[in-house]
Amino acid sequence: MGLKEWILPQDKHFFNMLENESQNVLDGSTAFLDMLKDYKNIKEKQQKIKDIEHQGDDFVHEIFEELNKTFITPIDHEDISKLASAFDDVLDYIDGTATRLVLYDIQKPEENMVKLAEVLAKQASELKQALTGLRNLKNPKEIERRCIEVNRLENIADDIYKTSVAELFKRKDAIEIMKLKEVYERLEFATDKCEDAANVISDIVVKNS
């Protein structure tokens, strides 16, 4: 056993909790994409997303409770906190977007909304794989590759968002513009938070490799 392994606690339950949270983010993004691609029974699908978001809240509370009573953690206390919060934010924005689709009575999602949801689901998948690799850090380059991919996808999301908003302002109905712009904004915020999570994971790799 190396010096670092001797010093750091061998209990990996923080990784278990973070992996649960990242899987929940993936579940939420997948459920949202399904909602947009098969835009039927949307109130039921929105409730499913709400349930996933509530489960995410439980995971976050569990993580912070453990942090409050644990002095030495396998990775930096602050990094665990940042990562848990970033994952929580992703789900909050997914849930907020789904809720607005119902509240604003959006009859049909726009093509670019689906594209953004596809990007978001890909980001969530990459984050799940990157986080799984943190447990033993046997392949830091692979983790970093996935983090870079999350950032690349966020740039694609930015472009889709800008194009979508530009197209919105060519329309006449001000209320429709406001509703749709808010949906696009929250989707883009979700992709931003995925990038935040990827940046934290990348920092963890640098500190512990």
C-alpha atoms as a PDB file:
ATOM      1  CA  MET A   1       0.000   0.000   0.000  1.00  0.00           C
ATOM      2  CA  GLY A   2       1.383   3.416  -0.977  1.00  0.00           C
ATOM      3  CA  LEU A   3       1.670   6.396   1.365  1.00  0.00           C
ATOM      4  CA  LYS A   4      -1.345   8.176  -0.162  1.00  0.00           C
ATOM      5  CA  GLU A   5      -3.507   5.058   0.199  1.00  0.00           C
ATOM      6  CA  TRP A   6      -2.374   4.688   3.815  1.00  0.00           C
ATOM      7  CA  ILE A   7      -3.196   8.287   4.703  1.00  0.00           C
ATOM      8  CA  LEU A   8      -6.548   8.513   2.917  1.00  0.00           C
ATOM      9  CA  PRO A   9      -9.537   6.691   4.396  1.00  0.00           C
ATOM     10  CA  GLN A  10     -10.335   3.388   2.725  1.00  0.00           C
ATOM     11  CA  ASP A  11     -14.090   3.826   3.192  1.00  0.00           C
ATOM     12  CA  LYS A  12     -15.401   4.731  -0.261  1.00  0.00           C
ATOM     13  CA  HIS A  13     -18.994   5.507   0.726  1.00  0.00           C
ATOM     14  CA  PHE A  14     -18.669   9.070  -0.585  1.00  0.00           C
ATOM     15  CA  PHE A  15     -18.019   7.642  -4.035  1.00  0.00           C
ATOM     16  CA  ASN A  16     -21.115   5.471  -3.653  1.00  0.00           C
ATOM     17  CA  MET A  17     -23.240   8.509  -2.833  1.00  0.00           C
ATOM     18  CA  LEU A  18     -21.823  10.617  -5.664  1.00  0.00           C
ATOM     19  CA  GLU A  19     -22.298   7.771  -8.129  1.00  0.00           C
ATOM     20  CA  ASN A  20     -25.909   7.454  -7.002  1.00  0.00           C
ATOM     21  CA  GLU A  21     -26.387  11.153  -7.611  1.00  0.00           C
ATOM     22  CA  SER A  22     -24.750  11.075 -11.043  1.00  0.00           C
ATOM     23  CA  GLN A  23     -26.932   8.114 -12.051  1.00  0.00           C
ATOM     24  CA  ASN A  24     -29.952  10.099 -10.905  1.00  0.00           C
ATOM     25  CA  VAL A  25     -28.890  13.015 -13.117  1.00  0.00           C
ATOM     26  CA  LEU A  26     -28.597  10.600 -16.030  1.00  0.00           C
ATOM     27  CA  ASP A  27     -32.055   9.217 -15.236  1.00  0.00           C
ATOM     28  CA  GLY A  28     -33.487  12.736 -15.123  1.00  0.00           C
ATOM     29  CA  SER A  29     -31.926  13.821 -18.405  1.00  0.00           C
ATOM     30  CA  THR A  30     -33.068  10.610 -20.098  1.00  0.00           C
ATOM     31  CA  ALA A  31     -36.610  11.031 -18.777  1.00  0.00           C
ATOM     32  CA  PHE A  32     -36.676  14.629 -20.014  1.00  0.00           C
ATOM     33  CA  LEU A  33     -35.445  13.618 -23.468  1.00  0.00           C
ATOM     34  CA  ASP A  34     -38.141  10.945 -23.596  1.00  0.00           C
ATOM     35  CA  MET A  35     -40.724  13.562 -22.641  1.00  0.00           C
ATOM     36  CA  LEU A  36     -39.733  15.764 -25.571  1.00  0.00           C
ATOM     37  CA  LYS A  37     -39.383  12.976 -28.125  1.00  0.00           C
ATOM     38  CA  ASP A  38     -42.707  11.382 -27.217  1.00  0.00           C
ATOM     39  CA  TYR A  39     -44.734  14.422 -26.240  1.00  0.00           C
ATOM     40  CA  LYS A  40     -47.738  12.600 -24.803  1.00  0.00           C
ATOM     41  CA  ASN A  41     -49.012  12.269 -21.245  1.00  0.00           C
ATOM     42  CA  ILE A  42     -46.655  15.081 -20.402  1.00  0.00           C
ATOM     43  CA  LYS A  43     -48.095  15.721 -16.937  1.00  0.00           C
ATOM     44  CA  GLU A  44     -47.263  12.143 -15.937  1.00  0.00           C
ATOM     45  CA  LYS A  45     -43.794  12.448 -17.461  1.00  0.00           C
ATOM     46  CA  GLN A  46     -43.259  15.762 -15.717  1.00  0.00           C
ATOM     47  CA  GLN A  47     -44.204  14.133 -12.412  1.00  0.00           C
ATOM     48  CA  LYS A  48     -41.692  11.342 -13.059  1.00  0.00           C
ATOM     49  CA  ILE A  49     -38.999  13.980 -13.518  1.00  0.00           C
ATOM     50  CA  LYS A  50     -40.173  15.718 -10.335  1.00  0.00           C
ATOM     51  CA  ASP A  51     -39.817  12.423  -8.451  1.00  0.00           C
ATOM     52  CA  ILE A  52     -36.282  11.985  -9.803  1.00  0.00           C
ATOM     53  CA  GLU A  53     -35.443  15.524  -8.711  1.00  0.00           C
ATOM     54  CA  HIS A  54     -36.775  14.807  -5.217  1.00  0.00           C
ATOM     55  CA  GLN A  55     -34.624  11.684  -5.075  1.00  0.00           C
ATOM     56  CA  GLY A  56     -31.683  13.873  -6.063  1.00  0.00           C
ATOM     57  CA  ASP A  57     -32.442  16.202  -3.151  1.00  0.00           C
ATOM     58  CA  ASP A  58     -32.319  13.210  -0.816  1.00  0.00           C
ATOM     59  CA  PHE A  59     -28.933  12.178  -2.190  1.00  0.00           C
ATOM     60  CA  VAL A  60     -27.562  15.703  -1.715  1.00  0.00           C
ATOM     61  CA  HIS A  61     -28.833  15.904   1.860  1.00  0.00           C
ATOM     62  CA  GLU A  62     -27.234  12.552   2.596  1.00  0.00           C
ATOM     63  CA  ILE A  63     -23.906  13.728   1.183  1.00  0.00           C
ATOM     64  CA  PHE A  64     -23.900  16.960   3.176  1.00  0.00           C
ATOM     65  CA  GLU A  65     -24.883  15.172   6.374  1.00  0.00           C
ATOM     66  CA  GLU A  66     -21.917  12.846   5.931  1.00  0.00           C
ATOM     67  CA  LEU A  67     -19.601  15.749   5.149  1.00  0.00           C
ATOM     68  CA  ASN A  68     -20.671  17.510   8.334  1.00  0.00           C
ATOM     69  CA  LYS A  69     -19.600  14.575  10.480  1.00  0.00           C
ATOM     70  CA  THR A  70     -16.549  13.338   8.555  1.00  0.00           C
ATOM     71  CA  PHE A  71     -13.188  15.011   9.099  1.00  0.00           C
ATOM     72  CA  ILE A  72     -11.077  13.111   6.557  1.00  0.00           C
ATOM     73  CA  THR A  73     -12.590  12.284   3.160  1.00  0.00           C
ATOM     74  CA  PRO A  74     -11.114  10.320   0.215  1.00  0.00           C
ATOM     75  CA  ILE A  75     -11.103  13.496  -1.891  1.00  0.00           C
ATOM     76  CA  ASP A  76     -11.254  17.131  -0.796  1.00  0.00           C
ATOM     77  CA  HIS A  77     -14.261  18.021   1.331  1.00  0.00           C
ATOM     78  CA  GLU A  78     -14.870  21.126  -0.806  1.00  0.00           C
ATOM     79  CA  ASP A  79     -14.745  19.160  -4.064  1.00  0.00           C
ATOM     80  CA  ILE A  80     -17.363  16.702  -2.843  1.00  0.00           C
ATOM     81  CA  SER A  81     -19.571  19.624  -1.867  1.00  0.00           C
ATOM     82  CA  LYS A  82     -19.114  21.379  -5.225  1.00  0.00           C
ATOM     83  CA  LEU A  83     -19.784  18.221  -7.193  1.00  0.00           C
ATOM     84  CA  ALA A  84     -22.917  17.348  -5.235  1.00  0.00           C
ATOM     85  CA  SER A  85     -24.223  20.884  -5.684  1.00  0.00           C
ATOM     86  CA  ALA A  86     -23.510  20.932  -9.427  1.00  0.00           C
ATOM     87  CA  PHE A  87     -25.375  17.652  -9.939  1.00  0.00           C
ATOM     88  CA  ASP A  88     -28.260  18.986  -7.878  1.00  0.00           C
ATOM     89  CA  ASP A  89     -28.390  22.140 -10.013  1.00  0.00           C
ATOM     90  CA  VAL A  90     -28.562  20.095 -13.230  1.00  0.00           C
ATOM     91  CA  LEU A  91     -31.623  18.254 -11.945  1.00  0.00           C
ATOM     92  CA  ASP A  92     -33.216  21.459 -10.672  1.00  0.00           C
ATOM     93  CA  TYR A  93     -32.991  23.014 -14.130  1.00  0.00           C
ATOM     94  CA  ILE A  94     -34.273  19.860 -15.837  1.00  0.00           C
ATOM     95  CA  ASP A  95     -37.213  19.755 -13.455  1.00  0.00           C
ATOM     96  CA  GLY A  96     -37.841  23.483 -13.897  1.00  0.00           C
ATOM     97  CA  THR A  97     -37.871  23.128 -17.675  1.00  0.00           C
ATOM     98  CA  ALA A  98     -40.274  20.180 -17.605  1.00  0.00           C
ATOM     99  CA  THR A  99     -42.560  22.061 -15.219  1.00  0.00           C
ATOM    100  CA  ARG A 100     -42.681  25.090 -17.498  1.00  0.00           C
ATOM    101  CA  LEU A 101     -43.563  23.002 -20.520  1.00  0.00           C
ATOM    102  CA  VAL A 102     -46.686  21.950 -18.632  1.00  0.00           C
ATOM    103  CA  LEU A 103     -47.479  25.270 -16.935  1.00  0.00           C
ATOM    104  CA  TYR A 104     -47.024  27.286 -20.121  1.00  0.00           C
ATOM    105  CA  ASP A 105     -49.100  24.781 -22.082  1.00  0.00           C
ATOM    106  CA  ILE A 106     -46.421  24.284 -24.715  1.00  0.00           C
ATOM    107  CA  GLN A 107     -48.236  22.240 -27.339  1.00  0.00           C
ATOM    108  CA  LYS A 108     -45.179  20.869 -29.084  1.00  0.00           C
ATOM    109  CA  PRO A 109     -41.467  21.094 -28.265  1.00  0.00           C
ATOM    110  CA  GLU A 110     -39.315  22.820 -30.842  1.00  0.00           C
ATOM    111  CA  GLU A 111     -36.621  20.928 -32.727  1.00  0.00           C
ATOM    112  CA  ASN A 112     -33.849  22.846 -30.985  1.00  0.00           C
ATOM    113  CA  MET A 113     -35.301  21.975 -27.583  1.00  0.00           C
ATOM    114  CA  VAL A 114     -34.935  18.313 -28.493  1.00  0.00           C
ATOM    115  CA  LYS A 115     -31.381  18.959 -29.678  1.00  0.00           C
ATOM    116  CA  LEU A 116     -30.507  20.616 -26.383  1.00  0.00           C
ATOM    117  CA  ALA A 117     -32.055  17.732 -24.457  1.00  0.00           C
ATOM    118  CA  GLU A 118     -29.972  15.289 -26.511  1.00  0.00           C
ATOM    119  CA  VAL A 119     -26.817  17.235 -25.685  1.00  0.00           C
ATOM    120  CA  LEU A 120     -27.760  17.262 -22.009  1.00  0.00           C
ATOM    121  CA  ALA A 121     -28.329  13.493 -21.938  1.00  0.00           C
ATOM    122  CA  LYS A 122     -24.931  12.927 -23.579  1.00  0.00           C
ATOM    123  CA  GLN A 123     -23.284  15.168 -20.993  1.00  0.00           C
ATOM    124  CA  ALA A 124     -24.953  13.260 -18.159  1.00  0.00           C
ATOM    125  CA  SER A 125     -23.712   9.969 -19.600  1.00  0.00           C
ATOM    126  CA  GLU A 126     -20.145  11.261 -19.870  1.00  0.00           C
ATOM    127  CA  LEU A 127     -20.274  12.585 -16.305  1.00  0.00           C
ATOM    128  CA  LYS A 128     -21.499   9.237 -14.997  1.00  0.00           C
ATOM    129  CA  GLN A 129     -18.586   7.435 -16.656  1.00  0.00           C
ATOM    130  CA  ALA A 130     -16.056  10.051 -15.522  1.00  0.00           C
ATOM    131  CA  LEU A 131     -17.264   9.877 -11.938  1.00  0.00           C
ATOM    132  CA  THR A 132     -17.096   6.093 -11.899  1.00  0.00           C
ATOM    133  CA  GLY A 133     -13.423   6.381 -12.827  1.00  0.00           C
ATOM    134  CA  LEU A 134     -12.686   8.582  -9.797  1.00  0.00           C
ATOM    135  CA  ARG A 135     -13.080   5.664  -7.404  1.00  0.00           C
ATOM    136  CA  ASN A 136      -9.647   4.237  -8.166  1.00  0.00           C
ATOM    137  CA  LEU A 137      -8.121   6.770 -10.612  1.00  0.00           C
ATOM    138  CA  LYS A 138      -6.497   3.995 -12.630  1.00  0.00           C
ATOM    139  CA  ASN A 139      -7.071   5.857 -15.895  1.00  0.00           C
ATOM    140  CA  PRO A 140      -6.935   9.634 -15.289  1.00  0.00           C
ATOM    141  CA  LYS A 141      -6.531  10.374 -19.008  1.00  0.00           C
ATOM    142  CA  GLU A 142      -9.838   8.657 -19.762  1.00  0.00           C
ATOM    143  CA  ILE A 143     -11.582  10.660 -17.043  1.00  0.00           C
ATOM    144  CA  GLU A 144     -10.107  13.864 -18.432  1.00  0.00           C
ATOM    145  CA  ARG A 145     -11.187  12.897 -21.948  1.00  0.00           C
ATOM    146  CA  ARG A 146     -14.774  12.571 -20.769  1.00  0.00           C
ATOM    147  CA  CYS A 147     -14.620  15.908 -18.958  1.00  0.00           C
ATOM    148  CA  ILE A 148     -13.335  17.581 -22.131  1.00  0.00           C
ATOM    149  CA  GLU A 149     -16.222  16.001 -24.038  1.00  0.00           C
ATOM    150  CA  VAL A 150     -18.719  17.465 -21.558  1.00  0.00           C
ATOM    151  CA  ASN A 151     -17.184  20.897 -22.158  1.00  0.00           C
ATOM    152  CA  ARG A 152     -17.298  20.401 -25.923  1.00  0.00           C
ATOM    153  CA  LEU A 153     -20.963  19.478 -25.704  1.00  0.00           C
ATOM    154  CA  GLU A 154     -21.646  22.587 -23.633  1.00  0.00           C
ATOM    155  CA  ASN A 155     -20.201  24.710 -26.453  1.00  0.00           C
ATOM    156  CA  ILE A 156     -22.599  22.998 -28.859  1.00  0.00           C
ATOM    157  CA  ALA A 157     -25.455  23.755 -26.454  1.00  0.00           C
ATOM    158  CA  ASP A 158     -24.420  27.421 -26.365  1.00  0.00           C
ATOM    159  CA  ASP A 159     -24.592  27.620 -30.148  1.00  0.00           C
ATOM    160  CA  ILE A 160     -28.004  25.950 -30.249  1.00  0.00           C
ATOM    161  CA  TYR A 161     -29.293  28.287 -27.553  1.00  0.00           C
ATOM    162  CA  LYS A 162     -28.052  31.448 -29.287  1.00  0.00           C
ATOM    163  CA  THR A 163     -29.511  30.391 -32.613  1.00  0.00           C
ATOM    164  CA  SER A 164     -32.826  29.489 -30.984  1.00  0.00           C
ATOM    165  CA  VAL A 165     -33.188  32.801 -29.160  1.00  0.00           C
ATOM    166  CA  ALA A 166     -32.264  34.752 -32.294  1.00  0.00           C
ATOM    167  CA  GLU A 167     -35.000  32.919 -34.181  1.00  0.00           C
ATOM    168  CA  LEU A 168     -37.504  33.558 -31.387  1.00  0.00           C
ATOM    169  CA  PHE A 169     -37.129  37.317 -31.660  1.00  0.00           C
ATOM    170  CA  LYS A 170     -38.189  37.194 -35.289  1.00  0.00           C
ATOM    171  CA  ARG A 171     -41.674  36.203 -34.153  1.00  0.00           C
ATOM    172  CA  LYS A 172     -44.604  38.476 -33.415  1.00  0.00           C
ATOM    173  CA  ASP A 173     -46.214  36.928 -30.335  1.00  0.00           C
ATOM    174  CA  ALA A 174     -44.440  38.482 -27.336  1.00  0.00           C
ATOM    175  CA  ILE A 175     -45.947  36.082 -24.805  1.00  0.00           C
ATOM    176  CA  GLU A 176     -44.886  33.062 -26.847  1.00  0.00           C
ATOM    177  CA  ILE A 177     -41.386  34.499 -27.115  1.00  0.00           C
ATOM    178  CA  MET A 178     -41.162  34.928 -23.334  1.00  0.00           C
ATOM    179  CA  LYS A 179     -42.376  31.403 -22.621  1.00  0.00           C
ATOM    180  CA  LEU A 180     -40.095  29.688 -25.097  1.00  0.00           C
ATOM    181  CA  LYS A 181     -37.082  31.820 -24.186  1.00  0.00           C
ATOM    182  CA  GLU A 182     -37.450  30.770 -20.558  1.00  0.00           C
ATOM    183  CA  VAL A 183     -37.557  27.103 -21.558  1.00  0.00           C
ATOM    184  CA  TYR A 184     -34.422  27.507 -23.672  1.00  0.00           C
ATOM    185  CA  GLU A 185     -32.646  29.407 -20.898  1.00  0.00           C
ATOM    186  CA  ARG A 186     -33.208  26.685 -18.329  1.00  0.00           C
ATOM    187  CA  LEU A 187     -32.071  23.991 -20.700  1.00  0.00           C
ATOM    188  CA  GLU A 188     -28.903  25.936 -21.433  1.00  0.00           C
ATOM    189  CA  PHE A 189     -28.338  26.503 -17.690  1.00  0.00           C
ATOM    190  CA  ALA A 190     -28.550  22.726 -17.181  1.00  0.00           C
ATOM    191  CA  THR A 191     -25.776  22.172 -19.725  1.00  0.00           C
ATOM    192  CA  ASP A 192     -23.710  24.864 -17.973  1.00  0.00           C
ATOM    193  CA  LYS A 193     -24.039  23.013 -14.679  1.00  0.00           C
ATOM    194  CA  CYS A 194     -22.902  19.792 -16.360  1.00  0.00           C
ATOM    195  CA  GLU A 195     -19.783  21.675 -17.411  1.00  0.00           C
ATOM    196  CA  ASP A 196     -19.340  22.871 -13.808  1.00  0.00           C
ATOM    197  CA  ALA A 197     -19.481  19.260 -12.626  1.00  0.00           C
ATOM    198  CA  ALA A 198     -16.957  18.201 -15.270  1.00  0.00           C
ATOM    199  CA  ASN A 199     -14.587  20.963 -14.174  1.00  0.00           C
ATOM    200  CA  VAL A 200     -14.761  19.776 -10.558  1.00  0.00           C
ATOM    201  CA  ILE A 201     -14.043  16.196 -11.619  1.00  0.00           C
ATOM    202  CA  SER A 202     -11.100  17.404 -13.705  1.00  0.00           C
ATOM    203  CA  ASP A 203      -9.712  19.324 -10.712  1.00  0.00           C
ATOM    204  CA  ILE A 204     -10.042  16.218  -8.531  1.00  0.00           C
ATOM    205  CA  VAL A 205      -8.041  14.206 -11.060  1.00  0.00           C
ATOM    206  CA  VAL A 206      -5.257  16.809 -11.106  1.00  0.00           C
ATOM    207  CA  LYS A 207      -5.086  16.931  -7.308  1.00  0.00           C
ATOM    208  CA  ASN A 208      -5.047  13.168  -6.811  1.00  0.00           C
ATOM    209  CA  SER A 209      -3.101  11.775  -9.758  1.00  0.00           C
END
